[in-house]
Amino acid sequence: MRTTITLDPDTDAAVRRLMRERGYTFKQAVNAAIRAGTGTRRRKFRTPTANLGPARVPVDHALRLASELEDEELVRKLAARK
């Protein structure tokens, strides 16, 4: 969201200090100061992972298998038309 704010001299100095110390842009520094002041934190999105163990089906030739299955399906469909 884009908005215009007027900062008091002390808050402007605090934002400028954050920019200098952490290498933040003005926007990043203002957002960090607001989050710190309100006690809110930005949640990072995390994708849960799970160990599925070893593959039960060899996938070394998956494209060839997919092609063969597709061919079989096409033959079946063509045979059903007759």
PDB file of N, CA and C in Angstrom:
ATOM      1  N   MET A   1       0.849  -1.170   0.000  1.00  0.00           N
ATOM      2  CA  MET A   1       0.000   0.000   0.000  1.00  0.00           C
ATOM      3  C   MET A   1       0.894   1.233   0.000  1.00  0.00           C
ATOM      4  N   ARG A   2       0.521   2.192  -0.756  1.00  0.00           N
ATOM      5  CA  ARG A   2       1.293   3.431  -0.830  1.00  0.00           C
ATOM      6  C   ARG A   2       0.566   4.498  -0.018  1.00  0.00           C
ATOM      7  N   THR A   3       1.316   5.189   0.829  1.00  0.00           N
ATOM      8  CA  THR A   3       0.722   6.245   1.645  1.00  0.00           C
ATOM      9  C   THR A   3       1.777   7.298   1.950  1.00  0.00           C
ATOM     10  N   THR A   4       1.332   8.450   2.380  1.00  0.00           N
ATOM     11  CA  THR A   4       2.243   9.521   2.765  1.00  0.00           C
ATOM     12  C   THR A   4       2.200   9.663   4.273  1.00  0.00           C
ATOM     13  N   ILE A   5       3.376   9.704   4.895  1.00  0.00           N
ATOM     14  CA  ILE A   5       3.434   9.891   6.345  1.00  0.00           C
ATOM     15  C   ILE A   5       4.361  11.058   6.658  1.00  0.00           C
ATOM     16  N   THR A   6       4.107  11.686   7.781  1.00  0.00           N
ATOM     17  CA  THR A   6       4.975  12.750   8.265  1.00  0.00           C
ATOM     18  C   THR A   6       5.619  12.254   9.549  1.00  0.00           C
ATOM     19  N   LEU A   7       6.939  12.159   9.534  1.00  0.00           N
ATOM     20  CA  LEU A   7       7.670  11.654  10.693  1.00  0.00           C
ATOM     21  C   LEU A   7       8.174  12.809  11.543  1.00  0.00           C
ATOM     22  N   ASP A   8       8.076  12.630  12.848  1.00  0.00           N
ATOM     23  CA  ASP A   8       8.699  13.581  13.764  1.00  0.00           C
ATOM     24  C   ASP A   8      10.207  13.428  13.628  1.00  0.00           C
ATOM     25  N   PRO A   9      10.964  14.445  14.033  1.00  0.00           N
ATOM     26  CA  PRO A   9      12.419  14.382  13.863  1.00  0.00           C
ATOM     27  C   PRO A   9      13.062  13.162  14.542  1.00  0.00           C
ATOM     28  N   ASP A  10      12.556  12.787  15.725  1.00  0.00           N
ATOM     29  CA  ASP A  10      13.171  11.651  16.415  1.00  0.00           C
ATOM     30  C   ASP A  10      12.877  10.323  15.705  1.00  0.00           C
ATOM     31  N   THR A  11      11.664  10.157  15.180  1.00  0.00           N
ATOM     32  CA  THR A  11      11.347   8.916  14.471  1.00  0.00           C
ATOM     33  C   THR A  11      12.052   8.867  13.113  1.00  0.00           C
ATOM     34  N   ASP A  12      12.205  10.030  12.487  1.00  0.00           N
ATOM     35  CA  ASP A  12      12.954  10.080  11.236  1.00  0.00           C
ATOM     36  C   ASP A  12      14.398   9.663  11.485  1.00  0.00           C
ATOM     37  N   ALA A  13      14.968  10.118  12.580  1.00  0.00           N
ATOM     38  CA  ALA A  13      16.347   9.743  12.925  1.00  0.00           C
ATOM     39  C   ALA A  13      16.444   8.241  13.184  1.00  0.00           C
ATOM     40  N   ALA A  14      15.423   7.673  13.846  1.00  0.00           N
ATOM     41  CA  ALA A  14      15.428   6.235  14.130  1.00  0.00           C
ATOM     42  C   ALA A  14      15.349   5.437  12.830  1.00  0.00           C
ATOM     43  N   VAL A  15      14.504   5.878  11.909  1.00  0.00           N
ATOM     44  CA  VAL A  15      14.379   5.194  10.624  1.00  0.00           C
ATOM     45  C   VAL A  15      15.681   5.311   9.838  1.00  0.00           C
ATOM     46  N   ARG A  16      16.274   6.480   9.828  1.00  0.00           N
ATOM     47  CA  ARG A  16      17.533   6.677   9.110  1.00  0.00           C
ATOM     48  C   ARG A  16      18.652   5.821   9.724  1.00  0.00           C
ATOM     49  N   ARG A  17      18.629   5.671  11.048  1.00  0.00           N
ATOM     50  CA  ARG A  17      19.623   4.844  11.727  1.00  0.00           C
ATOM     51  C   ARG A  17      19.467   3.374  11.293  1.00  0.00           C
ATOM     52  N   LEU A  18      18.203   2.884  11.241  1.00  0.00           N
ATOM     53  CA  LEU A  18      17.956   1.517  10.773  1.00  0.00           C
ATOM     54  C   LEU A  18      18.459   1.341   9.348  1.00  0.00           C
ATOM     55  N   MET A  19      18.225   2.328   8.523  1.00  0.00           N
ATOM     56  CA  MET A  19      18.667   2.251   7.128  1.00  0.00           C
ATOM     57  C   MET A  19      20.192   2.123   7.070  1.00  0.00           C
ATOM     58  N   ARG A  20      20.862   2.902   7.868  1.00  0.00           N
ATOM     59  CA  ARG A  20      22.322   2.916   7.863  1.00  0.00           C
ATOM     60  C   ARG A  20      22.894   1.624   8.456  1.00  0.00           C
ATOM     61  N   GLU A  21      22.371   1.205   9.620  1.00  0.00           N
ATOM     62  CA  GLU A  21      22.912   0.053  10.339  1.00  0.00           C
ATOM     63  C   GLU A  21      22.634  -1.275   9.638  1.00  0.00           C
ATOM     64  N   ARG A  22      21.446  -1.415   9.075  1.00  0.00           N
ATOM     65  CA  ARG A  22      21.051  -2.699   8.497  1.00  0.00           C
ATOM     66  C   ARG A  22      21.034  -2.709   6.972  1.00  0.00           C
ATOM     67  N   GLY A  23      21.326  -1.569   6.383  1.00  0.00           N
ATOM     68  CA  GLY A  23      21.326  -1.506   4.928  1.00  0.00           C
ATOM     69  C   GLY A  23      19.925  -1.585   4.340  1.00  0.00           C
ATOM     70  N   TYR A  24      18.935  -1.143   5.116  1.00  0.00           N
ATOM     71  CA  TYR A  24      17.543  -1.181   4.677  1.00  0.00           C
ATOM     72  C   TYR A  24      17.243  -0.023   3.746  1.00  0.00           C
ATOM     73  N   THR A  25      16.216  -0.227   2.928  1.00  0.00           N
ATOM     74  CA  THR A  25      15.638   0.899   2.194  1.00  0.00           C
ATOM     75  C   THR A  25      14.737   1.641   3.172  1.00  0.00           C
ATOM     76  N   PHE A  26      14.273   2.813   2.785  1.00  0.00           N
ATOM     77  CA  PHE A  26      13.378   3.572   3.652  1.00  0.00           C
ATOM     78  C   PHE A  26      12.132   2.752   3.983  1.00  0.00           C
ATOM     79  N   LYS A  27      11.564   2.129   2.964  1.00  0.00           N
ATOM     80  CA  LYS A  27      10.364   1.322   3.157  1.00  0.00           C
ATOM     81  C   LYS A  27      10.618   0.180   4.140  1.00  0.00           C
ATOM     82  N   GLN A  28      11.720  -0.532   3.971  1.00  0.00           N
ATOM     83  CA  GLN A  28      12.037  -1.639   4.860  1.00  0.00           C
ATOM     84  C   GLN A  28      12.230  -1.153   6.294  1.00  0.00           C
ATOM     85  N   ALA A  29      12.894  -0.020   6.459  1.00  0.00           N
ATOM     86  CA  ALA A  29      13.148   0.515   7.797  1.00  0.00           C
ATOM     87  C   ALA A  29      11.847   0.933   8.488  1.00  0.00           C
ATOM     88  N   VAL A  30      10.951   1.596   7.757  1.00  0.00           N
ATOM     89  CA  VAL A  30       9.673   2.003   8.342  1.00  0.00           C
ATOM     90  C   VAL A  30       8.863   0.772   8.730  1.00  0.00           C
ATOM     91  N   ASN A  31       8.797  -0.223   7.856  1.00  0.00           N
ATOM     92  CA  ASN A  31       8.052  -1.440   8.174  1.00  0.00           C
ATOM     93  C   ASN A  31       8.647  -2.159   9.375  1.00  0.00           C
ATOM     94  N   ALA A  32       9.975  -2.242   9.464  1.00  0.00           N
ATOM     95  CA  ALA A  32      10.619  -2.890  10.608  1.00  0.00           C
ATOM     96  C   ALA A  32      10.312  -2.141  11.900  1.00  0.00           C
ATOM     97  N   ALA A  33      10.330  -0.811  11.846  1.00  0.00           N
ATOM     98  CA  ALA A  33      10.041  -0.016  13.043  1.00  0.00           C
ATOM     99  C   ALA A  33       8.595  -0.200  13.487  1.00  0.00           C
ATOM    100  N   ILE A  34       7.675  -0.236  12.550  1.00  0.00           N
ATOM    101  CA  ILE A  34       6.263  -0.432  12.890  1.00  0.00           C
ATOM    102  C   ILE A  34       6.053  -1.818  13.481  1.00  0.00           C
ATOM    103  N   ARG A  35       6.660  -2.834  12.854  1.00  0.00           N
ATOM    104  CA  ARG A  35       6.517  -4.199  13.385  1.00  0.00           C
ATOM    105  C   ARG A  35       7.097  -4.303  14.790  1.00  0.00           C
ATOM    106  N   ALA A  36       8.250  -3.699  14.998  1.00  0.00           N
ATOM    107  CA  ALA A  36       8.872  -3.749  16.329  1.00  0.00           C
ATOM    108  C   ALA A  36       8.014  -3.021  17.356  1.00  0.00           C
ATOM    109  N   GLY A  37       7.442  -1.914  16.957  1.00  0.00           N
ATOM    110  CA  GLY A  37       6.624  -1.133  17.885  1.00  0.00           C
ATOM    111  C   GLY A  37       5.284  -1.764  18.208  1.00  0.00           C
ATOM    112  N   THR A  38       4.739  -2.525  17.282  1.00  0.00           N
ATOM    113  CA  THR A  38       3.433  -3.139  17.517  1.00  0.00           C
ATOM    114  C   THR A  38       3.544  -4.586  17.983  1.00  0.00           C
ATOM    115  N   GLY A  39       4.762  -5.100  17.994  1.00  0.00           N
ATOM    116  CA  GLY A  39       4.953  -6.468  18.451  1.00  0.00           C
ATOM    117  C   GLY A  39       4.523  -7.517  17.442  1.00  0.00           C
ATOM    118  N   THR A  40       4.332  -7.114  16.191  1.00  0.00           N
ATOM    119  CA  THR A  40       3.967  -8.080  15.154  1.00  0.00           C
ATOM    120  C   THR A  40       5.212  -8.480  14.387  1.00  0.00           C
ATOM    121  N   ARG A  41       5.165  -9.680  13.878  1.00  0.00           N
ATOM    122  CA  ARG A  41       6.285 -10.175  13.077  1.00  0.00           C
ATOM    123  C   ARG A  41       5.756 -10.696  11.763  1.00  0.00           C
ATOM    124  N   ARG A  42       6.553 -10.570  10.773  1.00  0.00           N
ATOM    125  CA  ARG A  42       6.184 -11.090   9.459  1.00  0.00           C
ATOM    126  C   ARG A  42       6.480 -12.586   9.457  1.00  0.00           C
ATOM    127  N   ARG A  43       5.467 -13.362   9.139  1.00  0.00           N
ATOM    128  CA  ARG A  43       5.650 -14.807   9.088  1.00  0.00           C
ATOM    129  C   ARG A  43       6.272 -15.206   7.763  1.00  0.00           C
ATOM    130  N   LYS A  44       7.238 -16.071   7.850  1.00  0.00           N
ATOM    131  CA  LYS A  44       7.836 -16.595   6.634  1.00  0.00           C
ATOM    132  C   LYS A  44       7.074 -17.840   6.230  1.00  0.00           C
ATOM    133  N   PHE A  45       6.822 -17.950   4.950  1.00  0.00           N
ATOM    134  CA  PHE A  45       6.115 -19.109   4.437  1.00  0.00           C
ATOM    135  C   PHE A  45       7.054 -20.298   4.450  1.00  0.00           C
ATOM    136  N   ARG A  46       6.589 -21.400   5.010  1.00  0.00           N
ATOM    137  CA  ARG A  46       7.388 -22.614   5.044  1.00  0.00           C
ATOM    138  C   ARG A  46       6.584 -23.757   4.449  1.00  0.00           C
ATOM    139  N   THR A  47       7.227 -24.516   3.634  1.00  0.00           N
ATOM    140  CA  THR A  47       6.600 -25.694   3.049  1.00  0.00           C
ATOM    141  C   THR A  47       7.043 -26.900   3.854  1.00  0.00           C
ATOM    142  N   PRO A  48       6.078 -27.625   4.448  1.00  0.00           N
ATOM    143  CA  PRO A  48       6.482 -28.800   5.216  1.00  0.00           C
ATOM    144  C   PRO A  48       7.046 -29.875   4.292  1.00  0.00           C
ATOM    145  N   THR A  49       8.016 -30.591   4.793  1.00  0.00           N
ATOM    146  CA  THR A  49       8.627 -31.659   4.016  1.00  0.00           C
ATOM    147  C   THR A  49       8.500 -32.967   4.771  1.00  0.00           C
ATOM    148  N   ALA A  50       8.578 -34.041   4.060  1.00  0.00           N
ATOM    149  CA  ALA A  50       8.511 -35.359   4.674  1.00  0.00           C
ATOM    150  C   ALA A  50       9.421 -36.305   3.910  1.00  0.00           C
ATOM    151  N   ASN A  51      10.063 -37.191   4.633  1.00  0.00           N
ATOM    152  CA  ASN A  51      10.901 -38.193   4.009  1.00  0.00           C
ATOM    153  C   ASN A  51       9.998 -39.320   3.534  1.00  0.00           C
ATOM    154  N   LEU A  52       9.936 -39.532   2.250  1.00  0.00           N
ATOM    155  CA  LEU A  52       9.071 -40.563   1.684  1.00  0.00           C
ATOM    156  C   LEU A  52       9.782 -41.896   1.505  1.00  0.00           C
ATOM    157  N   GLY A  53      11.047 -41.938   1.868  1.00  0.00           N
ATOM    158  CA  GLY A  53      11.799 -43.173   1.740  1.00  0.00           C
ATOM    159  C   GLY A  53      12.220 -43.415   0.310  1.00  0.00           C
ATOM    160  N   PRO A  54      12.781 -44.597   0.077  1.00  0.00           N
ATOM    161  CA  PRO A  54      13.225 -44.901  -1.286  1.00  0.00           C
ATOM    162  C   PRO A  54      12.035 -45.092  -2.218  1.00  0.00           C
ATOM    163  N   ALA A  55      12.272 -44.866  -3.491  1.00  0.00           N
ATOM    164  CA  ALA A  55      11.213 -45.021  -4.493  1.00  0.00           C
ATOM    165  C   ALA A  55      10.797 -46.480  -4.577  1.00  0.00           C
ATOM    166  N   ARG A  56       9.508 -46.731  -4.635  1.00  0.00           N
ATOM    167  CA  ARG A  56       9.004 -48.098  -4.756  1.00  0.00           C
ATOM    168  C   ARG A  56       8.949 -48.547  -6.215  1.00  0.00           C
ATOM    169  N   VAL A  57       8.881 -47.579  -7.101  1.00  0.00           N
ATOM    170  CA  VAL A  57       8.832 -47.859  -8.530  1.00  0.00           C
ATOM    171  C   VAL A  57      10.036 -47.174  -9.160  1.00  0.00           C
ATOM    172  N   PRO A  58      10.814 -47.905  -9.964  1.00  0.00           N
ATOM    173  CA  PRO A  58      11.952 -47.242 -10.598  1.00  0.00           C
ATOM    174  C   PRO A  58      11.458 -46.179 -11.579  1.00  0.00           C
ATOM    175  N   VAL A  59      12.008 -44.988 -11.457  1.00  0.00           N
ATOM    176  CA  VAL A  59      11.565 -43.879 -12.306  1.00  0.00           C
ATOM    177  C   VAL A  59      12.625 -43.498 -13.334  1.00  0.00           C
ATOM    178  N   ASP A  60      13.590 -44.379 -13.531  1.00  0.00           N
ATOM    179  CA  ASP A  60      14.664 -44.085 -14.477  1.00  0.00           C
ATOM    180  C   ASP A  60      14.140 -43.907 -15.895  1.00  0.00           C
ATOM    181  N   HIS A  61      13.086 -44.617 -16.231  1.00  0.00           N
ATOM    182  CA  HIS A  61      12.560 -44.568 -17.590  1.00  0.00           C
ATOM    183  C   HIS A  61      11.104 -44.099 -17.582  1.00  0.00           C
ATOM    184  N   ALA A  62      10.823 -43.099 -16.756  1.00  0.00           N
ATOM    185  CA  ALA A  62       9.450 -42.627 -16.576  1.00  0.00           C
ATOM    186  C   ALA A  62       8.862 -42.073 -17.870  1.00  0.00           C
ATOM    187  N   LEU A  63       9.636 -41.345 -18.644  1.00  0.00           N
ATOM    188  CA  LEU A  63       9.109 -40.778 -19.886  1.00  0.00           C
ATOM    189  C   LEU A  63       8.771 -41.866 -20.893  1.00  0.00           C
ATOM    190  N   ARG A  64       9.612 -42.878 -20.971  1.00  0.00           N
ATOM    191  CA  ARG A  64       9.319 -43.978 -21.885  1.00  0.00           C
ATOM    192  C   ARG A  64       8.051 -44.708 -21.466  1.00  0.00           C
ATOM    193  N   LEU A  65       7.909 -44.951 -20.162  1.00  0.00           N
ATOM    194  CA  LEU A  65       6.715 -45.613 -19.645  1.00  0.00           C
ATOM    195  C   LEU A  65       5.469 -44.779 -19.928  1.00  0.00           C
ATOM    196  N   ALA A  66       5.559 -43.462 -19.698  1.00  0.00           N
ATOM    197  CA  ALA A  66       4.416 -42.585 -19.955  1.00  0.00           C
ATOM    198  C   ALA A  66       4.033 -42.608 -21.432  1.00  0.00           C
ATOM    199  N   SER A  67       5.024 -42.629 -22.288  1.00  0.00           N
ATOM    200  CA  SER A  67       4.760 -42.672 -23.726  1.00  0.00           C
ATOM    201  C   SER A  67       4.070 -43.979 -24.114  1.00  0.00           C
ATOM    202  N   GLU A  68       4.540 -45.091 -23.550  1.00  0.00           N
ATOM    203  CA  GLU A  68       3.930 -46.388 -23.848  1.00  0.00           C
ATOM    204  C   GLU A  68       2.482 -46.442 -23.361  1.00  0.00           C
ATOM    205  N   LEU A  69       2.238 -45.900 -22.168  1.00  0.00           N
ATOM    206  CA  LEU A  69       0.866 -45.889 -21.646  1.00  0.00           C
ATOM    207  C   LEU A  69      -0.047 -45.020 -22.505  1.00  0.00           C
ATOM    208  N   GLU A  70       0.482 -43.894 -22.961  1.00  0.00           N
ATOM    209  CA  GLU A  70      -0.301 -43.004 -23.812  1.00  0.00           C
ATOM    210  C   GLU A  70      -0.615 -43.685 -25.142  1.00  0.00           C
ATOM    211  N   ASP A  71       0.371 -44.377 -25.697  1.00  0.00           N
ATOM    212  CA  ASP A  71       0.149 -45.102 -26.950  1.00  0.00           C
ATOM    213  C   ASP A  71      -0.935 -46.167 -26.780  1.00  0.00           C
ATOM    214  N   GLU A  72      -0.860 -46.914 -25.683  1.00  0.00           N
ATOM    215  CA  GLU A  72      -1.864 -47.952 -25.422  1.00  0.00           C
ATOM    216  C   GLU A  72      -3.261 -47.349 -25.316  1.00  0.00           C
ATOM    217  N   GLU A  73      -3.364 -46.194 -24.669  1.00  0.00           N
ATOM    218  CA  GLU A  73      -4.666 -45.535 -24.518  1.00  0.00           C
ATOM    219  C   GLU A  73      -5.200 -45.079 -25.868  1.00  0.00           C
ATOM    220  N   LEU A  74      -4.340 -44.540 -26.714  1.00  0.00           N
ATOM    221  CA  LEU A  74      -4.769 -44.111 -28.051  1.00  0.00           C
ATOM    222  C   LEU A  74      -5.242 -45.302 -28.884  1.00  0.00           C
ATOM    223  N   VAL A  75      -4.533 -46.418 -28.815  1.00  0.00           N
ATOM    224  CA  VAL A  75      -4.932 -47.613 -29.547  1.00  0.00           C
ATOM    225  C   VAL A  75      -6.287 -48.094 -29.052  1.00  0.00           C
ATOM    226  N   ARG A  76      -6.485 -48.085 -27.739  1.00  0.00           N
ATOM    227  CA  ARG A  76      -7.759 -48.511 -27.157  1.00  0.00           C
ATOM    228  C   ARG A  76      -8.907 -47.611 -27.633  1.00  0.00           C
ATOM    229  N   LYS A  77      -8.691 -46.302 -27.652  1.00  0.00           N
ATOM    230  CA  LYS A  77      -9.721 -45.360 -28.095  1.00  0.00           C
ATOM    231  C   LYS A  77     -10.035 -45.550 -29.578  1.00  0.00           C
ATOM    232  N   LEU A  78      -9.013 -45.738 -30.398  1.00  0.00           N
ATOM    233  CA  LEU A  78      -9.243 -45.949 -31.831  1.00  0.00           C
ATOM    234  C   LEU A  78      -9.983 -47.260 -32.091  1.00  0.00           C
ATOM    235  N   ALA A  79      -9.659 -48.287 -31.321  1.00  0.00           N
ATOM    236  CA  ALA A  79     -10.335 -49.574 -31.480  1.00  0.00           C
ATOM    237  C   ALA A  79     -11.793 -49.472 -31.053  1.00  0.00           C
ATOM    238  N   ALA A  80     -12.108 -48.647 -30.091  1.00  0.00           N
ATOM    239  CA  ALA A  80     -13.491 -48.505 -29.598  1.00  0.00           C
ATOM    240  C   ALA A  80     -14.355 -47.765 -30.626  1.00  0.00           C
ATOM    241  N   ARG A  81     -13.790 -46.987 -31.515  1.00  0.00           N
ATOM    242  CA  ARG A  81     -14.542 -46.250 -32.535  1.00  0.00           C
ATOM    243  C   ARG A  81     -15.080 -47.178 -33.619  1.00  0.00           C
ATOM    244  N   LYS A  82     -14.424 -48.266 -33.877  1.00  0.00           N
ATOM    245  CA  LYS A  82     -14.811 -49.164 -34.984  1.00  0.00           C
ATOM    246  C   LYS A  82     -16.019 -49.968 -34.668  1.00  0.00           C
TER     247      LYS A  82
END
